């Protein structure tokens, strides 16, 4: 047991350990990148340019669809108004006192068969 570790030895051990950890982290990063490429596939820059060109040609067609987008925004505005009114009613305040920054739709956590069963039960009661 008689070996005494000096400050210099401890610094060498510390630096060596940090280098080993850094090398392992880089290896893990490369493994994650390889998995991402194998699972999702890698798009070339040429494919991205072709997609952007096709999007430009589609942009000409979107002028016809602007009417549908305005209908969707009207429905979204109505949805925001309904949500704001519900929050104001539950808090017992007025709508101008509420500041809603974002509204995000969350995906359902229940399976589809469970939702279908609930709908059937509700319809049976009506």
N, C-alpha and C. Protein backbone atom coordinates (compact mmCIF):
# COMPACT_ATOMS: atom_id res chain seq x y z
N UNK A 1 0.81 -1.19 0.00
CA UNK A 1 0.00 0.00 0.00
C UNK A 1 0.85 1.25 0.00
N UNK A 2 2.07 1.17 0.06
CA UNK A 2 2.94 2.29 0.32
C UNK A 2 3.12 3.26 -0.82
N UNK A 3 2.47 3.05 -1.99
CA UNK A 3 2.65 4.00 -3.10
C UNK A 3 1.86 5.27 -2.83
N UNK A 4 2.54 6.37 -2.98
CA UNK A 4 1.91 7.67 -2.80
C UNK A 4 1.74 8.29 -4.18
N UNK A 5 0.53 8.77 -4.48
CA UNK A 5 0.22 9.39 -5.76
C UNK A 5 0.45 10.89 -5.63
N UNK A 6 1.32 11.40 -6.47
CA UNK A 6 1.62 12.83 -6.41
C UNK A 6 0.58 13.61 -7.20
N UNK A 7 0.66 14.91 -7.11
CA UNK A 7 -0.28 15.78 -7.82
C UNK A 7 -0.09 15.62 -9.33
N UNK A 8 1.13 15.49 -9.79
CA UNK A 8 1.38 15.30 -11.21
C UNK A 8 0.77 14.02 -11.73
N UNK A 9 0.91 12.92 -10.94
CA UNK A 9 0.31 11.66 -11.34
C UNK A 9 -1.22 11.75 -11.39
N UNK A 10 -1.80 12.45 -10.44
CA UNK A 10 -3.25 12.59 -10.43
C UNK A 10 -3.73 13.42 -11.62
N UNK A 11 -2.97 14.44 -12.03
CA UNK A 11 -3.33 15.24 -13.20
C UNK A 11 -3.26 14.38 -14.47
N UNK A 12 -2.23 13.54 -14.56
CA UNK A 12 -2.10 12.66 -15.73
C UNK A 12 -3.28 11.69 -15.79
N UNK A 13 -3.65 11.12 -14.66
CA UNK A 13 -4.79 10.20 -14.62
C UNK A 13 -6.08 10.93 -15.00
N UNK A 14 -6.25 12.15 -14.51
CA UNK A 14 -7.45 12.93 -14.82
C UNK A 14 -7.54 13.24 -16.31
N UNK A 15 -6.45 13.70 -16.89
CA UNK A 15 -6.45 14.05 -18.32
C UNK A 15 -6.67 12.80 -19.16
N UNK A 16 -6.02 11.69 -18.82
CA UNK A 16 -6.23 10.44 -19.56
C UNK A 16 -7.68 9.99 -19.48
N UNK A 17 -8.29 10.09 -18.32
CA UNK A 17 -9.69 9.70 -18.16
C UNK A 17 -10.61 10.59 -18.98
N UNK A 18 -10.33 11.89 -19.01
CA UNK A 18 -11.15 12.81 -19.79
C UNK A 18 -11.03 12.51 -21.29
N UNK A 19 -9.84 12.16 -21.75
CA UNK A 19 -9.65 11.83 -23.16
C UNK A 19 -10.42 10.56 -23.50
N UNK A 20 -10.37 9.57 -22.63
CA UNK A 20 -11.10 8.32 -22.87
C UNK A 20 -12.61 8.60 -22.94
N UNK A 21 -13.13 9.40 -22.04
CA UNK A 21 -14.56 9.73 -22.04
C UNK A 21 -14.93 10.47 -23.33
N UNK A 22 -14.11 11.41 -23.76
CA UNK A 22 -14.37 12.17 -24.99
C UNK A 22 -14.39 11.23 -26.20
N UNK A 23 -13.45 10.31 -26.27
CA UNK A 23 -13.40 9.36 -27.39
C UNK A 23 -14.65 8.48 -27.39
N UNK A 24 -15.09 8.03 -26.23
CA UNK A 24 -16.30 7.21 -26.15
C UNK A 24 -17.53 8.00 -26.58
N UNK A 25 -17.61 9.27 -26.19
CA UNK A 25 -18.75 10.10 -26.58
C UNK A 25 -18.77 10.31 -28.09
N UNK A 26 -17.63 10.52 -28.70
CA UNK A 26 -17.57 10.69 -30.15
C UNK A 26 -18.00 9.39 -30.83
N UNK A 27 -17.56 8.25 -30.31
CA UNK A 27 -17.95 6.96 -30.88
C UNK A 27 -19.45 6.77 -30.78
N UNK A 28 -20.05 7.12 -29.66
CA UNK A 28 -21.50 7.00 -29.49
C UNK A 28 -22.21 7.92 -30.48
N UNK A 29 -21.68 9.12 -30.67
CA UNK A 29 -22.27 10.05 -31.63
C UNK A 29 -22.27 9.47 -33.03
N UNK A 30 -21.16 8.86 -33.45
CA UNK A 30 -21.10 8.25 -34.76
C UNK A 30 -22.06 7.06 -34.87
N UNK A 31 -22.19 6.28 -33.83
CA UNK A 31 -23.12 5.16 -33.85
C UNK A 31 -24.56 5.64 -34.01
N UNK A 32 -24.91 6.70 -33.32
CA UNK A 32 -26.26 7.26 -33.44
C UNK A 32 -26.50 7.77 -34.85
N UNK A 33 -25.51 8.41 -35.43
CA UNK A 33 -25.64 8.92 -36.80
C UNK A 33 -25.80 7.77 -37.78
N UNK A 34 -25.04 6.69 -37.60
CA UNK A 34 -25.15 5.53 -38.47
C UNK A 34 -26.54 4.90 -38.35
N UNK A 35 -27.06 4.80 -37.14
CA UNK A 35 -28.40 4.25 -36.95
C UNK A 35 -29.46 5.13 -37.62
N UNK A 36 -29.29 6.45 -37.50
CA UNK A 36 -30.25 7.37 -38.11
C UNK A 36 -30.25 7.21 -39.62
N UNK A 37 -29.07 7.09 -40.20
CA UNK A 37 -28.98 6.96 -41.65
C UNK A 37 -29.55 5.62 -42.10
N UNK A 38 -29.27 4.55 -41.37
CA UNK A 38 -29.78 3.24 -41.80
C UNK A 38 -31.29 3.14 -41.62
N UNK A 39 -31.84 3.76 -40.61
CA UNK A 39 -33.28 3.67 -40.38
C UNK A 39 -34.05 4.61 -41.30
N UNK A 40 -33.64 5.87 -41.37
CA UNK A 40 -34.39 6.87 -42.13
C UNK A 40 -33.93 6.98 -43.57
N UNK A 41 -32.74 6.61 -43.86
CA UNK A 41 -32.19 6.81 -45.19
C UNK A 41 -31.66 8.23 -45.29
N UNK A 42 -30.62 8.40 -46.08
CA UNK A 42 -30.01 9.71 -46.18
C UNK A 42 -30.39 10.34 -47.51
N UNK A 43 -30.86 11.57 -47.47
CA UNK A 43 -31.22 12.29 -48.68
C UNK A 43 -29.99 13.02 -49.20
N UNK A 44 -29.78 12.91 -50.49
CA UNK A 44 -28.68 13.65 -51.09
C UNK A 44 -29.07 15.09 -51.28
N UNK A 45 -28.07 15.94 -51.48
CA UNK A 45 -28.36 17.35 -51.72
C UNK A 45 -29.09 17.52 -53.05
N UNK A 46 -28.79 16.63 -54.00
CA UNK A 46 -29.47 16.72 -55.29
C UNK A 46 -30.96 16.46 -55.13
N UNK A 47 -31.31 15.48 -54.31
CA UNK A 47 -32.72 15.19 -54.08
C UNK A 47 -33.42 16.36 -53.41
N UNK A 48 -32.71 17.01 -52.48
CA UNK A 48 -33.32 18.17 -51.81
C UNK A 48 -33.54 19.31 -52.79
N UNK A 49 -32.61 19.50 -53.75
CA UNK A 49 -32.78 20.54 -54.75
C UNK A 49 -33.97 20.22 -55.66
N UNK A 50 -34.11 18.93 -56.01
CA UNK A 50 -35.24 18.53 -56.85
C UNK A 50 -36.56 18.75 -56.12
N UNK A 51 -36.56 18.49 -54.83
CA UNK A 51 -37.77 18.70 -54.04
C UNK A 51 -38.11 20.17 -53.98
N UNK A 52 -37.09 21.02 -53.82
CA UNK A 52 -37.36 22.46 -53.76
C UNK A 52 -37.86 22.97 -55.10
N UNK A 53 -37.35 22.40 -56.22
CA UNK A 53 -37.83 22.80 -57.54
C UNK A 53 -39.28 22.38 -57.73
N UNK A 54 -39.61 21.17 -57.28
CA UNK A 54 -40.99 20.72 -57.41
C UNK A 54 -41.92 21.54 -56.53
N UNK A 55 -41.40 21.98 -55.37
CA UNK A 55 -42.21 22.84 -54.51
C UNK A 55 -42.47 24.18 -55.16
N UNK A 56 -41.51 24.68 -55.94
CA UNK A 56 -41.71 25.94 -56.64
C UNK A 56 -42.81 25.81 -57.68
N UNK A 57 -42.84 24.68 -58.38
CA UNK A 57 -43.90 24.48 -59.37
C UNK A 57 -45.25 24.29 -58.70
N UNK A 58 -45.23 23.71 -57.52
CA UNK A 58 -46.47 23.54 -56.77
C UNK A 58 -46.96 24.89 -56.27
N UNK A 59 -46.02 25.81 -56.02
CA UNK A 59 -46.37 27.15 -55.53
C UNK A 59 -47.32 27.86 -56.48
N UNK A 60 -47.18 27.58 -57.79
CA UNK A 60 -48.08 28.18 -58.75
C UNK A 60 -49.50 27.64 -58.58
N UNK A 61 -49.60 26.39 -58.17
CA UNK A 61 -50.91 25.77 -58.01
C UNK A 61 -51.59 26.18 -56.71
N UNK A 62 -50.80 26.69 -55.76
CA UNK A 62 -51.38 27.02 -54.46
C UNK A 62 -52.25 28.26 -54.50
N UNK A 63 -52.13 29.08 -55.53
CA UNK A 63 -52.98 30.25 -55.60
C UNK A 63 -54.44 29.84 -55.68
N UNK A 64 -54.70 28.68 -56.30
CA UNK A 64 -56.07 28.20 -56.37
C UNK A 64 -56.57 27.73 -55.01
N UNK A 65 -55.65 27.29 -54.15
CA UNK A 65 -56.05 26.72 -52.88
C UNK A 65 -56.07 27.75 -51.75
N UNK A 66 -55.82 29.02 -52.03
CA UNK A 66 -55.79 30.02 -50.97
C UNK A 66 -57.13 30.16 -50.28
N UNK A 67 -58.21 29.92 -51.03
CA UNK A 67 -59.53 30.03 -50.43
C UNK A 67 -59.71 28.98 -49.33
N UNK A 68 -59.21 27.76 -49.55
CA UNK A 68 -59.33 26.73 -48.52
C UNK A 68 -58.48 27.06 -47.32
N UNK A 69 -57.31 27.68 -47.54
CA UNK A 69 -56.46 28.07 -46.41
C UNK A 69 -57.13 29.15 -45.58
N UNK A 70 -57.82 30.07 -46.20
CA UNK A 70 -58.49 31.11 -45.43
C UNK A 70 -59.62 30.52 -44.61
N UNK A 71 -60.30 29.51 -45.14
CA UNK A 71 -61.35 28.85 -44.36
C UNK A 71 -60.76 28.15 -43.15
N UNK A 72 -59.57 27.53 -43.34
CA UNK A 72 -58.93 26.85 -42.22
C UNK A 72 -58.49 27.85 -41.16
N UNK A 73 -57.97 29.01 -41.58
CA UNK A 73 -57.54 29.99 -40.59
C UNK A 73 -58.72 30.55 -39.83
N UNK A 74 -59.87 30.69 -40.50
CA UNK A 74 -61.07 31.16 -39.82
C UNK A 74 -61.49 30.14 -38.77
N UNK A 75 -61.42 28.85 -39.14
CA UNK A 75 -61.77 27.81 -38.19
C UNK A 75 -60.79 27.79 -37.03
N UNK A 76 -59.49 28.02 -37.32
CA UNK A 76 -58.49 28.07 -36.26
C UNK A 76 -58.74 29.24 -35.33
N UNK A 77 -59.11 30.39 -35.88
CA UNK A 77 -59.40 31.54 -35.05
C UNK A 77 -60.61 31.29 -34.16
N UNK A 78 -61.60 30.61 -34.72
CA UNK A 78 -62.77 30.27 -33.91
C UNK A 78 -62.39 29.30 -32.80
N UNK A 79 -61.51 28.35 -33.11
CA UNK A 79 -61.05 27.40 -32.11
C UNK A 79 -60.30 28.11 -30.99
N UNK A 80 -59.46 29.07 -31.34
CA UNK A 80 -58.74 29.84 -30.33
C UNK A 80 -59.71 30.63 -29.46
N UNK A 81 -60.72 31.20 -30.08
CA UNK A 81 -61.72 31.96 -29.33
C UNK A 81 -62.47 31.06 -28.35
N UNK A 82 -62.82 29.86 -28.78
CA UNK A 82 -63.53 28.93 -27.91
C UNK A 82 -62.65 28.49 -26.75
N UNK A 83 -61.38 28.20 -27.05
CA UNK A 83 -60.46 27.80 -25.98
C UNK A 83 -60.25 28.93 -24.99
N UNK A 84 -60.10 30.16 -25.49
CA UNK A 84 -59.93 31.31 -24.60
C UNK A 84 -61.15 31.51 -23.72
N UNK A 85 -62.33 31.34 -24.31
CA UNK A 85 -63.56 31.49 -23.52
C UNK A 85 -63.66 30.41 -22.45
N UNK A 86 -63.27 29.19 -22.78
CA UNK A 86 -63.33 28.11 -21.80
C UNK A 86 -62.35 28.35 -20.66
N UNK A 87 -61.16 28.83 -20.99
CA UNK A 87 -60.17 29.13 -19.94
C UNK A 87 -60.66 30.27 -19.07
N UNK A 88 -61.22 31.30 -19.70
CA UNK A 88 -61.72 32.44 -18.92
C UNK A 88 -62.86 32.01 -18.01
N UNK A 89 -63.72 31.14 -18.50
CA UNK A 89 -64.84 30.68 -17.67
C UNK A 89 -64.34 29.84 -16.50
N UNK A 90 -63.35 29.01 -16.73
CA UNK A 90 -62.87 28.16 -15.64
C UNK A 90 -62.08 28.95 -14.61
N UNK A 91 -61.41 30.03 -15.05
CA UNK A 91 -60.65 30.85 -14.12
C UNK A 91 -61.48 31.96 -13.49
N UNK A 92 -62.65 32.21 -14.07
CA UNK A 92 -63.52 33.26 -13.54
C UNK A 92 -63.01 34.65 -13.89
N UNK A 93 -62.33 34.80 -15.01
CA UNK A 93 -61.82 36.10 -15.45
C UNK A 93 -62.40 36.43 -16.82
N UNK A 94 -62.02 37.57 -17.33
CA UNK A 94 -62.45 37.95 -18.68
C UNK A 94 -61.37 37.56 -19.68
N UNK A 95 -61.76 37.50 -20.94
CA UNK A 95 -60.84 37.05 -21.98
C UNK A 95 -59.66 38.01 -22.17
N UNK A 96 -59.83 39.34 -22.11
CA UNK A 96 -58.65 40.21 -22.28
C UNK A 96 -57.58 40.03 -21.20
N UNK A 97 -57.95 39.48 -20.06
CA UNK A 97 -56.96 39.28 -19.01
C UNK A 97 -56.12 38.03 -19.23
N UNK A 98 -56.49 37.22 -20.21
CA UNK A 98 -55.78 35.97 -20.49
C UNK A 98 -54.83 36.20 -21.66
N UNK A 99 -53.60 35.72 -21.54
CA UNK A 99 -52.62 35.83 -22.60
C UNK A 99 -52.26 34.41 -23.06
N UNK A 100 -52.82 34.00 -24.19
CA UNK A 100 -52.53 32.68 -24.73
C UNK A 100 -51.42 32.84 -25.75
N UNK A 101 -50.29 32.17 -25.49
CA UNK A 101 -49.14 32.28 -26.40
C UNK A 101 -49.18 31.21 -27.48
N UNK A 102 -49.40 29.97 -27.12
CA UNK A 102 -49.45 28.90 -28.11
C UNK A 102 -50.52 27.89 -27.72
N UNK A 103 -51.07 27.27 -28.73
CA UNK A 103 -51.99 26.17 -28.54
C UNK A 103 -51.47 25.03 -29.39
N UNK A 104 -51.14 23.93 -28.74
CA UNK A 104 -50.59 22.78 -29.46
C UNK A 104 -51.53 21.60 -29.32
N UNK A 105 -51.79 20.96 -30.43
CA UNK A 105 -52.62 19.76 -30.42
C UNK A 105 -51.74 18.58 -30.01
N UNK A 106 -52.19 17.84 -29.02
CA UNK A 106 -51.41 16.70 -28.58
C UNK A 106 -52.02 15.43 -29.16
N UNK A 107 -51.17 14.47 -29.40
CA UNK A 107 -51.67 13.22 -29.95
C UNK A 107 -52.37 12.43 -28.85
N UNK A 108 -53.39 11.69 -29.22
CA UNK A 108 -54.11 10.92 -28.19
C UNK A 108 -53.22 9.82 -27.63
N UNK A 109 -53.32 9.63 -26.32
CA UNK A 109 -52.51 8.59 -25.68
C UNK A 109 -53.25 7.27 -25.58
N UNK A 110 -54.54 7.31 -25.82
CA UNK A 110 -55.32 6.07 -25.74
C UNK A 110 -55.36 5.41 -27.11
N UNK A 111 -55.43 4.11 -27.16
CA UNK A 111 -55.50 3.41 -28.44
C UNK A 111 -56.81 3.70 -29.16
N UNK A 112 -56.81 3.46 -30.45
CA UNK A 112 -58.00 3.73 -31.27
C UNK A 112 -59.18 2.87 -30.85
N UNK A 113 -58.91 1.63 -30.47
CA UNK A 113 -60.02 0.75 -30.09
C UNK A 113 -60.69 1.24 -28.82
N UNK A 114 -59.92 1.88 -27.92
CA UNK A 114 -60.48 2.41 -26.69
C UNK A 114 -61.41 3.60 -26.99
N UNK A 115 -60.95 4.46 -27.89
CA UNK A 115 -61.79 5.61 -28.27
C UNK A 115 -63.06 5.14 -28.96
N UNK A 116 -62.94 4.11 -29.80
CA UNK A 116 -64.12 3.59 -30.49
C UNK A 116 -65.12 3.02 -29.48
N UNK A 117 -64.62 2.34 -28.46
CA UNK A 117 -65.51 1.81 -27.43
C UNK A 117 -66.22 2.91 -26.67
N UNK A 118 -65.52 3.97 -26.35
CA UNK A 118 -66.15 5.10 -25.64
C UNK A 118 -67.23 5.73 -26.49
N UNK A 119 -66.94 5.90 -27.79
CA UNK A 119 -67.94 6.50 -28.68
C UNK A 119 -69.18 5.64 -28.76
N UNK A 120 -68.99 4.32 -28.82
CA UNK A 120 -70.14 3.43 -28.88
C UNK A 120 -70.98 3.54 -27.62
N UNK A 121 -70.32 3.63 -26.46
CA UNK A 121 -71.07 3.75 -25.20
C UNK A 121 -71.83 5.07 -25.15
N UNK A 122 -71.21 6.13 -25.62
CA UNK A 122 -71.90 7.43 -25.61
C UNK A 122 -73.08 7.40 -26.54
N UNK A 123 -72.90 6.83 -27.73
CA UNK A 123 -74.02 6.77 -28.69
C UNK A 123 -75.15 5.90 -28.19
N UNK A 124 -74.85 4.85 -27.44
CA UNK A 124 -75.90 3.99 -26.88
C UNK A 124 -76.73 4.74 -25.85
N UNK A 125 -76.12 5.64 -25.12
CA UNK A 125 -76.84 6.41 -24.10
C UNK A 125 -77.74 7.47 -24.73
N UNK A 126 -77.40 7.92 -25.91
CA UNK A 126 -78.22 8.93 -26.58
C UNK A 126 -79.42 8.23 -27.16
